[in-house]
PDB file of N, CA and C in Angstrom:
ATOM      1  N   UNK A   1       0.831  -1.192   0.000  1.00  0.00           N
ATOM      2  CA  UNK A   1       0.000   0.000   0.000  1.00  0.00           C
ATOM      3  C   UNK A   1       0.874   1.254   0.000  1.00  0.00           C
ATOM      4  N   UNK A   2       1.903   1.274   0.845  1.00  0.00           N
ATOM      5  CA  UNK A   2       2.766   2.447   0.939  1.00  0.00           C
ATOM      6  C   UNK A   2       3.471   2.714  -0.385  1.00  0.00           C
ATOM      7  N   UNK A   3       3.911   1.660  -1.055  1.00  0.00           N
ATOM      8  CA  UNK A   3       4.577   1.798  -2.345  1.00  0.00           C
ATOM      9  C   UNK A   3       3.634   2.418  -3.375  1.00  0.00           C
ATOM     10  N   UNK A   4       2.374   2.034  -3.352  1.00  0.00           N
ATOM     11  CA  UNK A   4       1.388   2.590  -4.267  1.00  0.00           C
ATOM     12  C   UNK A   4       1.203   4.079  -4.013  1.00  0.00           C
ATOM     13  N   UNK A   5       1.152   4.489  -2.755  1.00  0.00           N
ATOM     14  CA  UNK A   5       1.022   5.904  -2.407  1.00  0.00           C
ATOM     15  C   UNK A   5       2.236   6.690  -2.878  1.00  0.00           C
ATOM     16  N   UNK A   6       3.426   6.113  -2.702  1.00  0.00           N
ATOM     17  CA  UNK A   6       4.648   6.787  -3.145  1.00  0.00           C
ATOM     18  C   UNK A   6       4.680   6.890  -4.665  1.00  0.00           C
ATOM     19  N   UNK A   7       4.252   5.839  -5.357  1.00  0.00           N
ATOM     20  CA  UNK A   7       4.198   5.863  -6.820  1.00  0.00           C
ATOM     21  C   UNK A   7       3.248   6.950  -7.302  1.00  0.00           C
ATOM     22  N   UNK A   8       2.131   7.088  -6.617  1.00  0.00           N
ATOM     23  CA  UNK A   8       1.145   8.115  -6.984  1.00  0.00           C
ATOM     24  C   UNK A   8       1.730   9.506  -6.763  1.00  0.00           C
ATOM     25  N   UNK A   9       2.454   9.701  -5.671  1.00  0.00           N
ATOM     26  CA  UNK A   9       3.076  11.000  -5.403  1.00  0.00           C
ATOM     27  C   UNK A   9       4.119  11.319  -6.471  1.00  0.00           C
ATOM     28  N   UNK A  10       4.908  10.332  -6.858  1.00  0.00           N
ATOM     29  CA  UNK A  10       5.908  10.534  -7.912  1.00  0.00           C
ATOM     30  C   UNK A  10       5.217  10.872  -9.223  1.00  0.00           C
ATOM     31  N   UNK A  11       4.161  10.162  -9.568  1.00  0.00           N
ATOM     32  CA  UNK A  11       3.425  10.423 -10.811  1.00  0.00           C
ATOM     33  C   UNK A  11       2.871  11.847 -10.830  1.00  0.00           C
ATOM     34  N   UNK A  12       2.266  12.261  -9.716  1.00  0.00           N
ATOM     35  CA  UNK A  12       1.702  13.608  -9.637  1.00  0.00           C
ATOM     36  C   UNK A  12       2.794  14.673  -9.697  1.00  0.00           C
ATOM     37  N   UNK A  13       3.931  14.412  -9.068  1.00  0.00           N
ATOM     38  CA  UNK A  13       5.044  15.356  -9.116  1.00  0.00           C
ATOM     39  C   UNK A  13       5.574  15.480 -10.537  1.00  0.00           C
ATOM     40  N   UNK A  14       5.713  14.366 -11.242  1.00  0.00           N
ATOM     41  CA  UNK A  14       6.174  14.398 -12.627  1.00  0.00           C
ATOM     42  C   UNK A  14       5.202  15.171 -13.511  1.00  0.00           C
ATOM     43  N   UNK A  15       3.911  14.992 -13.299  1.00  0.00           N
ATOM     44  CA  UNK A  15       2.903  15.724 -14.078  1.00  0.00           C
ATOM     45  C   UNK A  15       3.000  17.225 -13.810  1.00  0.00           C
ATOM     46  N   UNK A  16       3.216  17.596 -12.544  1.00  0.00           N
ATOM     47  CA  UNK A  16       3.362  19.013 -12.203  1.00  0.00           C
ATOM     48  C   UNK A  16       4.604  19.600 -12.877  1.00  0.00           C
ATOM     49  N   UNK A  17       5.705  18.849 -12.866  1.00  0.00           N
ATOM     50  CA  UNK A  17       6.945  19.327 -13.484  1.00  0.00           C
ATOM     51  C   UNK A  17       6.787  19.478 -14.993  1.00  0.00           C
ATOM     52  N   UNK A  18       6.106  18.538 -15.629  1.00  0.00           N
ATOM     53  CA  UNK A  18       5.855  18.646 -17.066  1.00  0.00           C
ATOM     54  C   UNK A  18       5.036  19.901 -17.373  1.00  0.00           C
ATOM     55  N   UNK A  19       4.023  20.148 -16.555  1.00  0.00           N
ATOM     56  CA  UNK A  19       3.199  21.342 -16.762  1.00  0.00           C
ATOM     57  C   UNK A  19       4.056  22.598 -16.619  1.00  0.00           C
ATOM     58  N   UNK A  20       4.907  22.641 -15.616  1.00  0.00           N
ATOM     59  CA  UNK A  20       5.765  23.805 -15.403  1.00  0.00           C
ATOM     60  C   UNK A  20       6.772  23.986 -16.536  1.00  0.00           C
ATOM     61  N   UNK A  21       7.288  22.895 -17.068  1.00  0.00           N
ATOM     62  CA  UNK A  21       8.237  22.990 -18.174  1.00  0.00           C
ATOM     63  C   UNK A  21       7.588  23.590 -19.417  1.00  0.00           C
ATOM     64  N   UNK A  22       6.293  23.349 -19.605  1.00  0.00           N
ATOM     65  CA  UNK A  22       5.569  23.879 -20.761  1.00  0.00           C
ATOM     66  C   UNK A  22       5.036  25.283 -20.525  1.00  0.00           C
ATOM     67  N   UNK A  23       5.190  25.798 -19.320  1.00  0.00           N
ATOM     68  CA  UNK A  23       4.688  27.131 -18.965  1.00  0.00           C
ATOM     69  C   UNK A  23       5.777  28.179 -19.198  1.00  0.00           C
ATOM     70  N   UNK A  24       5.366  29.440 -19.339  1.00  0.00           N
ATOM     71  CA  UNK A  24       6.370  30.506 -19.471  1.00  0.00           C
ATOM     72  C   UNK A  24       7.284  30.549 -18.250  1.00  0.00           C
ATOM     73  N   UNK A  25       8.515  30.982 -18.464  1.00  0.00           N
ATOM     74  CA  UNK A  25       9.481  31.024 -17.373  1.00  0.00           C
ATOM     75  C   UNK A  25       9.107  32.062 -16.322  1.00  0.00           C
ATOM     76  N   UNK A  26       8.472  33.139 -16.729  1.00  0.00           N
ATOM     77  CA  UNK A  26       8.126  34.222 -15.813  1.00  0.00           C
ATOM     78  C   UNK A  26       6.713  34.697 -16.107  1.00  0.00           C
ATOM     79  N   UNK A  27       5.937  34.983 -15.076  1.00  0.00           N
ATOM     80  CA  UNK A  27       4.572  35.497 -15.244  1.00  0.00           C
ATOM     81  C   UNK A  27       4.422  36.776 -14.431  1.00  0.00           C
ATOM     82  N   UNK A  28       3.848  37.791 -15.049  1.00  0.00           N
ATOM     83  CA  UNK A  28       3.611  39.052 -14.359  1.00  0.00           C
ATOM     84  C   UNK A  28       2.298  39.053 -13.579  1.00  0.00           C
ATOM     85  N   UNK A  29       1.416  38.132 -13.918  1.00  0.00           N
ATOM     86  CA  UNK A  29       0.118  38.060 -13.263  1.00  0.00           C
ATOM     87  C   UNK A  29      -0.153  36.624 -12.812  1.00  0.00           C
ATOM     88  N   UNK A  30      -1.114  36.489 -11.918  1.00  0.00           N
ATOM     89  CA  UNK A  30      -1.515  35.174 -11.440  1.00  0.00           C
ATOM     90  C   UNK A  30      -2.267  34.452 -12.547  1.00  0.00           C
ATOM     91  N   UNK A  31      -1.824  33.263 -12.870  1.00  0.00           N
ATOM     92  CA  UNK A  31      -2.451  32.442 -13.892  1.00  0.00           C
ATOM     93  C   UNK A  31      -3.343  31.420 -13.191  1.00  0.00           C
ATOM     94  N   UNK A  32      -4.646  31.542 -13.369  1.00  0.00           N
ATOM     95  CA  UNK A  32      -5.588  30.649 -12.700  1.00  0.00           C
ATOM     96  C   UNK A  32      -5.378  29.198 -13.058  1.00  0.00           C
ATOM     97  N   UNK A  33      -5.035  28.927 -14.318  1.00  0.00           N
ATOM     98  CA  UNK A  33      -4.819  27.545 -14.741  1.00  0.00           C
ATOM     99  C   UNK A  33      -3.593  26.954 -14.043  1.00  0.00           C
ATOM    100  N   UNK A  34      -2.524  27.734 -13.962  1.00  0.00           N
ATOM    101  CA  UNK A  34      -1.318  27.286 -13.273  1.00  0.00           C
ATOM    102  C   UNK A  34      -1.623  27.006 -11.806  1.00  0.00           C
ATOM    103  N   UNK A  35      -2.352  27.906 -11.186  1.00  0.00           N
ATOM    104  CA  UNK A  35      -2.763  27.750  -9.790  1.00  0.00           C
ATOM    105  C   UNK A  35      -3.524  26.437  -9.617  1.00  0.00           C
ATOM    106  N   UNK A  36      -4.496  26.187 -10.502  1.00  0.00           N
ATOM    107  CA  UNK A  36      -5.318  24.975 -10.413  1.00  0.00           C
ATOM    108  C   UNK A  36      -4.500  23.703 -10.628  1.00  0.00           C
ATOM    109  N   UNK A  37      -3.490  23.770 -11.475  1.00  0.00           N
ATOM    110  CA  UNK A  37      -2.668  22.592 -11.768  1.00  0.00           C
ATOM    111  C   UNK A  37      -1.738  22.229 -10.614  1.00  0.00           C
ATOM    112  N   UNK A  38      -1.361  23.199  -9.808  1.00  0.00           N
ATOM    113  CA  UNK A  38      -0.373  22.964  -8.762  1.00  0.00           C
ATOM    114  C   UNK A  38      -0.958  22.848  -7.357  1.00  0.00           C
ATOM    115  N   UNK A  39      -1.948  23.663  -7.043  1.00  0.00           N
ATOM    116  CA  UNK A  39      -2.411  23.788  -5.654  1.00  0.00           C
ATOM    117  C   UNK A  39      -3.742  23.083  -5.435  1.00  0.00           C
ATOM    118  N   UNK A  40      -3.744  22.188  -4.463  1.00  0.00           N
ATOM    119  CA  UNK A  40      -4.967  21.467  -4.109  1.00  0.00           C
ATOM    120  C   UNK A  40      -5.824  22.304  -3.162  1.00  0.00           C
ATOM    121  N   UNK A  41      -5.168  22.866  -2.139  1.00  0.00           N
ATOM    122  CA  UNK A  41      -5.918  23.702  -1.182  1.00  0.00           C
ATOM    123  C   UNK A  41      -4.951  24.579  -0.395  1.00  0.00           C
ATOM    124  N   UNK A  42      -5.513  25.598   0.212  1.00  0.00           N
ATOM    125  CA  UNK A  42      -4.757  26.499   1.076  1.00  0.00           C
ATOM    126  C   UNK A  42      -5.499  26.581   2.399  1.00  0.00           C
ATOM    127  N   UNK A  43      -4.766  26.398   3.490  1.00  0.00           N
ATOM    128  CA  UNK A  43      -5.358  26.511   4.822  1.00  0.00           C
ATOM    129  C   UNK A  43      -4.678  27.648   5.558  1.00  0.00           C
ATOM    130  N   UNK A  44      -5.460  28.407   6.255  1.00  0.00           N
ATOM    131  CA  UNK A  44      -4.942  29.496   7.065  1.00  0.00           C
ATOM    132  C   UNK A  44      -5.079  29.111   8.534  1.00  0.00           C
ATOM    133  N   UNK A  45      -3.952  29.061   9.234  1.00  0.00           N
ATOM    134  CA  UNK A  45      -3.939  28.770  10.662  1.00  0.00           C
ATOM    135  C   UNK A  45      -3.674  30.074  11.408  1.00  0.00           C
ATOM    136  N   UNK A  46      -3.611  30.008  12.716  1.00  0.00           N
ATOM    137  CA  UNK A  46      -3.396  31.208  13.522  1.00  0.00           C
ATOM    138  C   UNK A  46      -2.116  31.939  13.146  1.00  0.00           C
ATOM    139  N   UNK A  47      -1.060  31.192  12.882  1.00  0.00           N
ATOM    140  CA  UNK A  47       0.235  31.828  12.646  1.00  0.00           C
ATOM    141  C   UNK A  47       0.912  31.410  11.344  1.00  0.00           C
ATOM    142  N   UNK A  48       0.171  30.701  10.463  1.00  0.00           N
ATOM    143  CA  UNK A  48       0.811  30.205   9.254  1.00  0.00           C
ATOM    144  C   UNK A  48      -0.197  29.996   8.123  1.00  0.00           C
ATOM    145  N   UNK A  49       0.334  30.010   6.925  1.00  0.00           N
ATOM    146  CA  UNK A  49      -0.414  29.710   5.716  1.00  0.00           C
ATOM    147  C   UNK A  49       0.110  28.368   5.215  1.00  0.00           C
ATOM    148  N   UNK A  50      -0.775  27.390   5.011  1.00  0.00           N
ATOM    149  CA  UNK A  50      -0.388  26.055   4.569  1.00  0.00           C
ATOM    150  C   UNK A  50      -0.890  25.859   3.144  1.00  0.00           C
ATOM    151  N   UNK A  51       0.021  25.629   2.227  1.00  0.00           N
ATOM    152  CA  UNK A  51      -0.319  25.419   0.821  1.00  0.00           C
ATOM    153  C   UNK A  51      -0.077  23.951   0.516  1.00  0.00           C
ATOM    154  N   UNK A  52      -1.135  23.232   0.160  1.00  0.00           N
ATOM    155  CA  UNK A  52      -1.042  21.805  -0.135  1.00  0.00           C
ATOM    156  C   UNK A  52      -1.068  21.637  -1.655  1.00  0.00           C
ATOM    157  N   UNK A  53      -0.005  21.038  -2.184  1.00  0.00           N
ATOM    158  CA  UNK A  53       0.100  20.806  -3.613  1.00  0.00           C
ATOM    159  C   UNK A  53      -0.603  19.502  -3.987  1.00  0.00           C
ATOM    160  N   UNK A  54      -0.927  19.346  -5.266  1.00  0.00           N
ATOM    161  CA  UNK A  54      -1.611  18.137  -5.725  1.00  0.00           C
ATOM    162  C   UNK A  54      -0.786  16.867  -5.531  1.00  0.00           C
ATOM    163  N   UNK A  55       0.517  16.996  -5.413  1.00  0.00           N
ATOM    164  CA  UNK A  55       1.346  15.807  -5.215  1.00  0.00           C
ATOM    165  C   UNK A  55       1.463  15.421  -3.738  1.00  0.00           C
ATOM    166  N   UNK A  56       0.750  16.127  -2.860  1.00  0.00           N
ATOM    167  CA  UNK A  56       0.731  15.776  -1.453  1.00  0.00           C
ATOM    168  C   UNK A  56       1.692  16.584  -0.593  1.00  0.00           C
ATOM    169  N   UNK A  57       2.608  17.301  -1.206  1.00  0.00           N
ATOM    170  CA  UNK A  57       3.528  18.112  -0.417  1.00  0.00           C
ATOM    171  C   UNK A  57       2.810  19.325   0.158  1.00  0.00           C
ATOM    172  N   UNK A  58       3.205  19.708   1.363  1.00  0.00           N
ATOM    173  CA  UNK A  58       2.617  20.879   2.014  1.00  0.00           C
ATOM    174  C   UNK A  58       3.704  21.891   2.311  1.00  0.00           C
ATOM    175  N   UNK A  59       3.492  23.114   1.868  1.00  0.00           N
ATOM    176  CA  UNK A  59       4.407  24.213   2.105  1.00  0.00           C
ATOM    177  C   UNK A  59       3.802  25.094   3.187  1.00  0.00           C
ATOM    178  N   UNK A  60       4.606  25.459   4.172  1.00  0.00           N
ATOM    179  CA  UNK A  60       4.112  26.281   5.277  1.00  0.00           C
ATOM    180  C   UNK A  60       4.872  27.591   5.299  1.00  0.00           C
ATOM    181  N   UNK A  61       4.124  28.674   5.328  1.00  0.00           N
ATOM    182  CA  UNK A  61       4.710  30.010   5.410  1.00  0.00           C
ATOM    183  C   UNK A  61       4.249  30.632   6.719  1.00  0.00           C
ATOM    184  N   UNK A  62       5.190  30.870   7.617  1.00  0.00           N
ATOM    185  CA  UNK A  62       4.864  31.500   8.903  1.00  0.00           C
ATOM    186  C   UNK A  62       4.573  32.975   8.684  1.00  0.00           C
ATOM    187  N   UNK A  63       3.593  33.464   9.407  1.00  0.00           N
ATOM    188  CA  UNK A  63       3.213  34.879   9.301  1.00  0.00           C
ATOM    189  C   UNK A  63       3.708  35.635  10.527  1.00  0.00           C
ATOM    190  N   UNK A  64       4.180  36.825  10.289  1.00  0.00           N
ATOM    191  CA  UNK A  64       4.656  37.660  11.394  1.00  0.00           C
ATOM    192  C   UNK A  64       3.479  38.104  12.246  1.00  0.00           C
ATOM    193  N   UNK A  65       3.700  38.199  13.539  1.00  0.00           N
ATOM    194  CA  UNK A  65       2.625  38.605  14.455  1.00  0.00           C
ATOM    195  C   UNK A  65       2.553  40.112  14.531  1.00  0.00           C
TER     196      UNK A  65
END
């Protein structure tokens, strides 16, 4: 079961990387399609912003008080 979950995470990460490789190197504005392809959800906690990517990785940005 664990191997299947890891395989799925690798597959999703590869798909995200392929999408990024086909995207422009720099964007001046927020691209909704790019956002949808990469980000599954965003959670706001008391002191941090949690960005969960479609491949299962979670990025945490601490907010200053």
